[in-house]
Amino acid sequence: MREVEVIGVRVEMPTNQPLVLLREAGGGRYLPIWIGAVEATAIAFAQQGSESSRPMTHELMKSIVEALGDDLLEVHITAVKDNVFFAHLVFASGLEVEARPSDSLALALRAGARIMCAEEVLDEVGLKSDHHEDDEIEKFREFLDAIEPEDFEQ
């Protein structure tokens, strides 16, 4: 497993399909995962540290885990099959629960959990960057600084 970080979310044109972009920590590979608009909004809110007046789904999940006396330690992106990604939530109690990566990432950002990706997944679908792509990533970061979570609502 390799640690990855969430770079951010964006809407891919012309399909208007949101994606979350992960980057290998200490490496040069990127992992784009297409996600739903609701999950894109949840991830963007979590990255910005925004809280709603009433708990949204991922805030509720975090509260339930804490109320049950557990902690989310890590999210593991474990596999990709036919362009569908799979993940597991790994808790301090030793419990592991299968979950969609988009939900897992939104919860991990809220809980401060590490995000790990199987080496095989990075080998299969990870994108290696070069200096030109790093410039594009910097433009993407600037885009993320300017976008609001409400921009993902339809």
N, C-alpha and C. Protein backbone atom coordinates (compact mmCIF):
# COMPACT_ATOMS: atom_id res chain seq x y z
N MET A 1 0.84 -1.18 0.00
CA MET A 1 0.00 0.00 0.00
C MET A 1 0.89 1.25 0.00
N ARG A 2 0.44 2.23 -0.78
CA ARG A 2 1.14 3.52 -0.85
C ARG A 2 0.19 4.61 -0.36
N GLU A 3 0.71 5.54 0.42
CA GLU A 3 -0.13 6.64 0.87
C GLU A 3 -0.38 7.60 -0.29
N VAL A 4 -1.61 8.10 -0.38
CA VAL A 4 -1.98 9.09 -1.39
C VAL A 4 -2.67 10.25 -0.68
N GLU A 5 -2.69 11.39 -1.35
CA GLU A 5 -3.37 12.56 -0.81
C GLU A 5 -4.39 13.05 -1.82
N VAL A 6 -5.44 13.65 -1.29
CA VAL A 6 -6.48 14.22 -2.16
C VAL A 6 -6.00 15.58 -2.63
N ILE A 7 -5.85 15.70 -3.95
CA ILE A 7 -5.49 16.99 -4.54
C ILE A 7 -6.74 17.86 -4.62
N GLY A 8 -7.85 17.27 -5.02
CA GLY A 8 -9.10 18.02 -5.09
C GLY A 8 -10.09 17.37 -6.02
N VAL A 9 -11.19 18.06 -6.21
CA VAL A 9 -12.23 17.60 -7.12
C VAL A 9 -12.39 18.62 -8.24
N ARG A 10 -12.85 18.14 -9.37
CA ARG A 10 -13.14 19.02 -10.49
C ARG A 10 -14.21 18.36 -11.34
N VAL A 11 -14.74 19.13 -12.25
CA VAL A 11 -15.73 18.61 -13.18
C VAL A 11 -15.04 18.46 -14.53
N GLU A 12 -15.04 17.25 -15.04
CA GLU A 12 -14.42 16.94 -16.32
C GLU A 12 -15.34 17.37 -17.45
N MET A 13 -14.81 18.14 -18.36
CA MET A 13 -15.61 18.59 -19.50
C MET A 13 -15.30 17.69 -20.69
N PRO A 14 -16.16 17.44 -21.60
CA PRO A 14 -17.49 18.01 -21.77
C PRO A 14 -18.58 17.18 -21.09
N THR A 15 -18.21 16.12 -20.38
CA THR A 15 -19.22 15.21 -19.81
C THR A 15 -19.88 15.74 -18.54
N ASN A 16 -19.28 16.78 -17.94
CA ASN A 16 -19.74 17.32 -16.66
C ASN A 16 -19.70 16.27 -15.55
N GLN A 17 -18.79 15.31 -15.68
CA GLN A 17 -18.63 14.25 -14.68
C GLN A 17 -17.57 14.68 -13.66
N PRO A 18 -17.93 14.75 -12.36
CA PRO A 18 -16.93 15.09 -11.35
C PRO A 18 -15.89 13.98 -11.18
N LEU A 19 -14.68 14.39 -10.82
CA LEU A 19 -13.64 13.42 -10.47
C LEU A 19 -12.85 13.95 -9.31
N VAL A 20 -12.30 13.02 -8.55
CA VAL A 20 -11.39 13.37 -7.47
C VAL A 20 -10.00 12.94 -7.93
N LEU A 21 -9.02 13.79 -7.69
CA LEU A 21 -7.66 13.49 -8.10
C LEU A 21 -6.81 13.24 -6.87
N LEU A 22 -6.18 12.07 -6.84
CA LEU A 22 -5.27 11.69 -5.75
C LEU A 22 -3.85 11.71 -6.27
N ARG A 23 -2.90 12.00 -5.38
CA ARG A 23 -1.48 11.98 -5.75
C ARG A 23 -0.72 11.10 -4.77
N GLU A 24 0.13 10.27 -5.31
CA GLU A 24 0.98 9.40 -4.51
C GLU A 24 1.92 10.25 -3.66
N ALA A 25 1.92 10.04 -2.35
CA ALA A 25 2.82 10.77 -1.46
C ALA A 25 4.26 10.34 -1.74
N GLY A 26 5.11 11.30 -1.97
CA GLY A 26 6.51 11.01 -2.23
C GLY A 26 6.76 10.34 -3.57
N GLY A 27 5.79 10.39 -4.45
CA GLY A 27 5.93 9.77 -5.77
C GLY A 27 5.37 10.68 -6.84
N GLY A 28 5.40 10.20 -8.05
CA GLY A 28 4.96 11.02 -9.16
C GLY A 28 3.71 10.54 -9.85
N ARG A 29 2.96 9.62 -9.22
CA ARG A 29 1.76 9.11 -9.87
C ARG A 29 0.51 9.79 -9.33
N TYR A 30 -0.44 9.96 -10.25
CA TYR A 30 -1.74 10.53 -9.91
C TYR A 30 -2.81 9.50 -10.21
N LEU A 31 -3.90 9.57 -9.45
CA LEU A 31 -4.99 8.62 -9.61
C LEU A 31 -6.31 9.38 -9.72
N PRO A 32 -6.88 9.49 -10.93
CA PRO A 32 -8.19 10.12 -11.07
C PRO A 32 -9.29 9.08 -10.86
N ILE A 33 -10.29 9.44 -10.08
CA ILE A 33 -11.44 8.56 -9.84
C ILE A 33 -12.70 9.36 -10.11
N TRP A 34 -13.49 8.91 -11.07
CA TRP A 34 -14.75 9.58 -11.38
C TRP A 34 -15.75 9.26 -10.29
N ILE A 35 -16.46 10.31 -9.82
CA ILE A 35 -17.37 10.17 -8.69
C ILE A 35 -18.68 10.91 -8.99
N GLY A 36 -19.62 10.79 -8.09
CA GLY A 36 -20.90 11.48 -8.23
C GLY A 36 -20.81 12.92 -7.74
N ALA A 37 -21.78 13.73 -8.15
CA ALA A 37 -21.80 15.14 -7.79
C ALA A 37 -21.95 15.34 -6.27
N VAL A 38 -22.76 14.52 -5.63
CA VAL A 38 -22.96 14.64 -4.17
C VAL A 38 -21.65 14.38 -3.44
N GLU A 39 -20.94 13.33 -3.86
CA GLU A 39 -19.67 12.99 -3.22
C GLU A 39 -18.62 14.05 -3.51
N ALA A 40 -18.63 14.61 -4.72
CA ALA A 40 -17.70 15.69 -5.06
C ALA A 40 -17.92 16.88 -4.13
N THR A 41 -19.18 17.21 -3.89
CA THR A 41 -19.50 18.31 -2.99
C THR A 41 -19.03 18.00 -1.57
N ALA A 42 -19.26 16.77 -1.12
CA ALA A 42 -18.84 16.38 0.24
C ALA A 42 -17.33 16.46 0.39
N ILE A 43 -16.59 16.01 -0.61
CA ILE A 43 -15.13 16.07 -0.56
C ILE A 43 -14.66 17.52 -0.57
N ALA A 44 -15.25 18.35 -1.43
CA ALA A 44 -14.88 19.76 -1.49
C ALA A 44 -15.16 20.46 -0.16
N PHE A 45 -16.33 20.21 0.43
CA PHE A 45 -16.66 20.78 1.74
C PHE A 45 -15.62 20.35 2.78
N ALA A 46 -15.28 19.07 2.79
CA ALA A 46 -14.32 18.55 3.77
C ALA A 46 -12.95 19.19 3.59
N GLN A 47 -12.52 19.35 2.33
CA GLN A 47 -11.22 19.98 2.08
C GLN A 47 -11.19 21.42 2.55
N GLN A 48 -12.32 22.10 2.44
CA GLN A 48 -12.39 23.49 2.86
C GLN A 48 -12.65 23.64 4.36
N GLY A 49 -12.92 22.52 5.01
CA GLY A 49 -13.21 22.57 6.44
C GLY A 49 -14.59 23.12 6.74
N SER A 50 -15.46 23.12 5.74
CA SER A 50 -16.82 23.64 5.91
C SER A 50 -17.69 22.64 6.67
N GLU A 51 -18.51 23.18 7.54
CA GLU A 51 -19.48 22.35 8.25
C GLU A 51 -20.86 22.91 7.97
N SER A 52 -21.80 22.02 7.84
CA SER A 52 -23.17 22.46 7.59
C SER A 52 -23.89 22.67 8.92
N SER A 53 -25.01 23.36 8.84
CA SER A 53 -25.76 23.63 10.07
C SER A 53 -26.34 22.34 10.67
N ARG A 54 -26.59 21.35 9.81
CA ARG A 54 -27.03 20.03 10.26
C ARG A 54 -26.08 19.01 9.65
N PRO A 55 -25.80 17.91 10.34
CA PRO A 55 -24.81 16.95 9.82
C PRO A 55 -25.23 16.35 8.48
N MET A 56 -24.33 16.44 7.51
CA MET A 56 -24.53 15.77 6.24
C MET A 56 -24.09 14.31 6.43
N THR A 57 -24.27 13.49 5.41
CA THR A 57 -24.05 12.05 5.53
C THR A 57 -22.68 11.69 6.09
N HIS A 58 -21.62 12.28 5.56
CA HIS A 58 -20.27 11.90 5.99
C HIS A 58 -19.95 12.44 7.38
N GLU A 59 -20.53 13.57 7.74
CA GLU A 59 -20.39 14.07 9.11
C GLU A 59 -21.13 13.15 10.07
N LEU A 60 -22.31 12.69 9.66
CA LEU A 60 -23.09 11.75 10.46
C LEU A 60 -22.31 10.44 10.65
N MET A 61 -21.72 9.93 9.58
CA MET A 61 -20.95 8.69 9.67
C MET A 61 -19.80 8.86 10.68
N LYS A 62 -19.11 9.97 10.62
CA LYS A 62 -18.00 10.23 11.54
C LYS A 62 -18.52 10.26 12.98
N SER A 63 -19.65 10.93 13.19
CA SER A 63 -20.23 11.01 14.54
C SER A 63 -20.65 9.64 15.06
N ILE A 64 -21.20 8.80 14.20
CA ILE A 64 -21.62 7.46 14.61
C ILE A 64 -20.40 6.63 15.01
N VAL A 65 -19.35 6.69 14.21
CA VAL A 65 -18.12 5.94 14.52
C VAL A 65 -17.58 6.38 15.88
N GLU A 66 -17.53 7.67 16.12
CA GLU A 66 -17.03 8.19 17.39
C GLU A 66 -17.94 7.79 18.55
N ALA A 67 -19.27 7.86 18.33
CA ALA A 67 -20.22 7.50 19.38
C ALA A 67 -20.10 6.03 19.77
N LEU A 68 -19.69 5.20 18.81
CA LEU A 68 -19.51 3.78 19.08
C LEU A 68 -18.13 3.48 19.68
N GLY A 69 -17.34 4.52 19.91
CA GLY A 69 -16.05 4.36 20.56
C GLY A 69 -14.94 3.87 19.66
N ASP A 70 -15.05 4.12 18.36
CA ASP A 70 -14.03 3.67 17.41
C ASP A 70 -13.45 4.88 16.68
N ASP A 71 -12.41 4.66 15.93
CA ASP A 71 -11.80 5.70 15.10
C ASP A 71 -11.49 5.13 13.74
N LEU A 72 -11.70 5.93 12.72
CA LEU A 72 -11.28 5.54 11.37
C LEU A 72 -9.79 5.83 11.26
N LEU A 73 -9.00 4.77 11.05
CA LEU A 73 -7.55 4.94 10.94
C LEU A 73 -7.11 5.21 9.51
N GLU A 74 -7.62 4.39 8.59
CA GLU A 74 -7.18 4.49 7.21
C GLU A 74 -8.31 4.12 6.26
N VAL A 75 -8.17 4.62 5.06
CA VAL A 75 -8.98 4.19 3.93
C VAL A 75 -8.03 3.47 2.99
N HIS A 76 -8.42 2.30 2.52
CA HIS A 76 -7.61 1.54 1.57
C HIS A 76 -8.36 1.45 0.24
N ILE A 77 -7.77 1.99 -0.80
CA ILE A 77 -8.29 1.77 -2.15
C ILE A 77 -7.64 0.48 -2.60
N THR A 78 -8.45 -0.56 -2.74
CA THR A 78 -7.90 -1.91 -2.85
C THR A 78 -7.85 -2.49 -4.26
N ALA A 79 -8.76 -2.06 -5.13
CA ALA A 79 -8.82 -2.68 -6.45
C ALA A 79 -9.56 -1.79 -7.42
N VAL A 80 -9.38 -2.10 -8.70
CA VAL A 80 -10.15 -1.48 -9.77
C VAL A 80 -10.50 -2.60 -10.75
N LYS A 81 -11.79 -2.72 -11.06
CA LYS A 81 -12.25 -3.75 -12.00
C LYS A 81 -13.25 -3.12 -12.94
N ASP A 82 -12.98 -3.20 -14.23
CA ASP A 82 -13.85 -2.59 -15.24
C ASP A 82 -14.11 -1.12 -14.93
N ASN A 83 -13.06 -0.40 -14.57
CA ASN A 83 -13.10 1.03 -14.24
C ASN A 83 -13.93 1.36 -13.00
N VAL A 84 -14.21 0.37 -12.18
CA VAL A 84 -14.91 0.58 -10.91
C VAL A 84 -13.89 0.35 -9.78
N PHE A 85 -13.77 1.36 -8.91
CA PHE A 85 -12.81 1.28 -7.81
C PHE A 85 -13.49 0.70 -6.57
N PHE A 86 -12.69 0.02 -5.74
CA PHE A 86 -13.17 -0.59 -4.51
C PHE A 86 -12.30 -0.11 -3.35
N ALA A 87 -12.92 0.04 -2.18
CA ALA A 87 -12.19 0.53 -1.02
C ALA A 87 -12.68 -0.16 0.25
N HIS A 88 -11.87 -0.02 1.29
CA HIS A 88 -12.22 -0.51 2.63
C HIS A 88 -11.92 0.59 3.64
N LEU A 89 -12.79 0.69 4.63
CA LEU A 89 -12.55 1.54 5.78
C LEU A 89 -11.88 0.67 6.84
N VAL A 90 -10.79 1.14 7.42
CA VAL A 90 -10.05 0.38 8.43
C VAL A 90 -10.14 1.15 9.74
N PHE A 91 -10.73 0.50 10.75
CA PHE A 91 -10.98 1.14 12.03
C PHE A 91 -9.96 0.70 13.09
N ALA A 92 -9.82 1.52 14.12
CA ALA A 92 -8.87 1.23 15.21
C ALA A 92 -9.19 -0.09 15.89
N SER A 93 -10.46 -0.48 15.92
CA SER A 93 -10.87 -1.73 16.56
C SER A 93 -10.44 -2.96 15.76
N GLY A 94 -9.94 -2.75 14.54
CA GLY A 94 -9.57 -3.87 13.68
C GLY A 94 -10.64 -4.20 12.66
N LEU A 95 -11.79 -3.62 12.80
CA LEU A 95 -12.89 -3.85 11.87
C LEU A 95 -12.58 -3.22 10.52
N GLU A 96 -12.93 -3.92 9.44
CA GLU A 96 -12.81 -3.38 8.08
C GLU A 96 -14.17 -3.49 7.42
N VAL A 97 -14.56 -2.41 6.73
CA VAL A 97 -15.85 -2.35 6.07
C VAL A 97 -15.63 -1.93 4.62
N GLU A 98 -16.25 -2.66 3.69
CA GLU A 98 -16.15 -2.27 2.28
C GLU A 98 -16.99 -1.02 2.04
N ALA A 99 -16.48 -0.12 1.21
CA ALA A 99 -17.19 1.13 0.92
C ALA A 99 -16.75 1.65 -0.45
N ARG A 100 -17.55 2.53 -0.99
CA ARG A 100 -17.16 3.19 -2.23
C ARG A 100 -16.00 4.14 -1.94
N PRO A 101 -15.04 4.25 -2.85
CA PRO A 101 -13.93 5.19 -2.61
C PRO A 101 -14.39 6.62 -2.38
N SER A 102 -15.39 7.07 -3.10
CA SER A 102 -15.83 8.46 -2.95
C SER A 102 -16.33 8.71 -1.53
N ASP A 103 -17.15 7.83 -0.99
CA ASP A 103 -17.61 7.97 0.39
C ASP A 103 -16.45 7.83 1.36
N SER A 104 -15.56 6.90 1.08
CA SER A 104 -14.40 6.67 1.94
C SER A 104 -13.52 7.91 2.02
N LEU A 105 -13.30 8.56 0.89
CA LEU A 105 -12.45 9.75 0.86
C LEU A 105 -13.10 10.90 1.62
N ALA A 106 -14.41 11.10 1.42
CA ALA A 106 -15.11 12.17 2.14
C ALA A 106 -15.03 11.93 3.64
N LEU A 107 -15.20 10.69 4.07
CA LEU A 107 -15.12 10.36 5.49
C LEU A 107 -13.69 10.51 6.01
N ALA A 108 -12.71 10.05 5.25
CA ALA A 108 -11.31 10.16 5.67
C ALA A 108 -10.91 11.61 5.88
N LEU A 109 -11.33 12.49 4.98
CA LEU A 109 -10.99 13.90 5.13
C LEU A 109 -11.63 14.49 6.39
N ARG A 110 -12.84 14.09 6.71
CA ARG A 110 -13.52 14.56 7.92
C ARG A 110 -12.85 14.00 9.18
N ALA A 111 -12.40 12.74 9.11
CA ALA A 111 -11.85 12.07 10.29
C ALA A 111 -10.34 12.24 10.44
N GLY A 112 -9.70 12.81 9.44
CA GLY A 112 -8.24 12.94 9.49
C GLY A 112 -7.52 11.62 9.33
N ALA A 113 -8.13 10.69 8.62
CA ALA A 113 -7.54 9.35 8.42
C ALA A 113 -6.60 9.35 7.22
N ARG A 114 -5.62 8.47 7.28
CA ARG A 114 -4.71 8.30 6.13
C ARG A 114 -5.44 7.61 5.00
N ILE A 115 -5.02 7.93 3.78
CA ILE A 115 -5.59 7.31 2.59
C ILE A 115 -4.48 6.53 1.92
N MET A 116 -4.72 5.23 1.73
CA MET A 116 -3.74 4.33 1.16
C MET A 116 -4.29 3.72 -0.13
N CYS A 117 -3.40 3.42 -1.04
CA CYS A 117 -3.83 2.81 -2.31
C CYS A 117 -2.93 1.61 -2.60
N ALA A 118 -3.56 0.53 -3.04
CA ALA A 118 -2.81 -0.67 -3.39
C ALA A 118 -1.85 -0.36 -4.52
N GLU A 119 -0.65 -0.87 -4.40
CA GLU A 119 0.38 -0.67 -5.43
C GLU A 119 -0.12 -1.13 -6.80
N GLU A 120 -0.89 -2.24 -6.81
CA GLU A 120 -1.40 -2.77 -8.08
C GLU A 120 -2.35 -1.78 -8.77
N VAL A 121 -3.14 -1.07 -7.96
CA VAL A 121 -4.06 -0.07 -8.52
C VAL A 121 -3.27 1.08 -9.14
N LEU A 122 -2.27 1.56 -8.42
CA LEU A 122 -1.43 2.64 -8.96
C LEU A 122 -0.70 2.18 -10.21
N ASP A 123 -0.23 0.93 -10.22
CA ASP A 123 0.46 0.40 -11.39
C ASP A 123 -0.47 0.31 -12.60
N GLU A 124 -1.72 -0.08 -12.34
CA GLU A 124 -2.67 -0.30 -13.43
C GLU A 124 -3.26 0.98 -13.99
N VAL A 125 -3.68 1.91 -13.12
CA VAL A 125 -4.40 3.08 -13.61
C VAL A 125 -3.79 4.42 -13.17
N GLY A 126 -2.70 4.37 -12.42
CA GLY A 126 -2.04 5.61 -12.03
C GLY A 126 -1.39 6.28 -13.23
N LEU A 127 -1.39 7.59 -13.21
CA LEU A 127 -0.81 8.37 -14.30
C LEU A 127 0.49 8.99 -13.81
N LYS A 128 1.56 8.74 -14.53
CA LYS A 128 2.86 9.31 -14.18
C LYS A 128 2.90 10.75 -14.67
N SER A 129 3.41 11.64 -13.84
CA SER A 129 3.46 13.05 -14.24
C SER A 129 4.84 13.42 -14.74
N ASP A 130 4.85 14.46 -15.56
CA ASP A 130 6.10 15.09 -15.96
C ASP A 130 5.98 16.56 -15.57
N HIS A 131 6.97 17.36 -15.90
CA HIS A 131 6.94 18.76 -15.49
C HIS A 131 5.75 19.51 -16.07
N HIS A 132 5.37 19.20 -17.32
CA HIS A 132 4.21 19.85 -17.93
C HIS A 132 2.95 19.50 -17.15
N GLU A 133 2.82 18.25 -16.76
CA GLU A 133 1.65 17.83 -15.99
C GLU A 133 1.65 18.46 -14.62
N ASP A 134 2.84 18.67 -14.03
CA ASP A 134 2.91 19.35 -12.74
C ASP A 134 2.40 20.78 -12.86
N ASP A 135 2.67 21.43 -14.00
CA ASP A 135 2.13 22.77 -14.25
C ASP A 135 0.61 22.71 -14.33
N GLU A 136 0.09 21.66 -14.97
CA GLU A 136 -1.36 21.49 -15.06
C GLU A 136 -1.96 21.26 -13.68
N ILE A 137 -1.27 20.51 -12.84
CA ILE A 137 -1.74 20.26 -11.48
C ILE A 137 -1.77 21.58 -10.70
N GLU A 138 -0.77 22.41 -10.91
CA GLU A 138 -0.76 23.71 -10.23
C GLU A 138 -1.93 24.56 -10.69
N LYS A 139 -2.25 24.54 -11.98
CA LYS A 139 -3.42 25.25 -12.48
C LYS A 139 -4.69 24.68 -11.85
N PHE A 140 -4.72 23.35 -11.69
CA PHE A 140 -5.86 22.68 -11.06
C PHE A 140 -6.01 23.16 -9.62
N ARG A 141 -4.90 23.26 -8.89
CA ARG A 141 -4.95 23.75 -7.51
C ARG A 141 -5.51 25.18 -7.47
N GLU A 142 -5.07 26.02 -8.41
CA GLU A 142 -5.59 27.38 -8.47
C GLU A 142 -7.09 27.38 -8.74
N PHE A 143 -7.53 26.48 -9.62
CA PHE A 143 -8.95 26.32 -9.91
C PHE A 143 -9.69 25.95 -8.63
N LEU A 144 -9.12 25.01 -7.85
CA LEU A 144 -9.76 24.56 -6.62
C LEU A 144 -9.86 25.68 -5.60
N ASP A 145 -8.86 26.56 -5.58
CA ASP A 145 -8.91 27.68 -4.65
C ASP A 145 -10.05 28.63 -4.96
N ALA A 146 -10.47 28.67 -6.23
CA ALA A 146 -11.50 29.62 -6.66
C ALA A 146 -12.91 29.02 -6.66
N ILE A 147 -13.02 27.70 -6.64
CA ILE A 147 -14.34 27.06 -6.77
C ILE A 147 -14.99 26.89 -5.42
N GLU A 148 -16.30 26.95 -5.41
CA GLU A 148 -17.09 26.75 -4.20
C GLU A 148 -17.82 25.41 -4.31
N PRO A 149 -18.08 24.72 -3.19
CA PRO A 149 -18.80 23.44 -3.26
C PRO A 149 -20.16 23.55 -3.94
N GLU A 150 -20.79 24.70 -3.83
CA GLU A 150 -22.09 24.89 -4.47
C GLU A 150 -22.00 24.77 -5.98
N ASP A 151 -20.82 24.96 -6.55
CA ASP A 151 -20.65 24.86 -8.00
C ASP A 151 -20.92 23.44 -8.50
N PHE A 152 -20.93 22.45 -7.61
CA PHE A 152 -21.15 21.06 -8.02
C PHE A 152 -22.63 20.68 -7.97
N GLU A 153 -23.44 21.54 -7.40
CA GLU A 153 -24.86 21.23 -7.31
C GLU A 153 -25.50 21.37 -8.69
N GLN A 154 -26.47 20.51 -8.97
CA GLN A 154 -27.12 20.54 -10.28
C GLN A 154 -28.51 21.07 -10.18
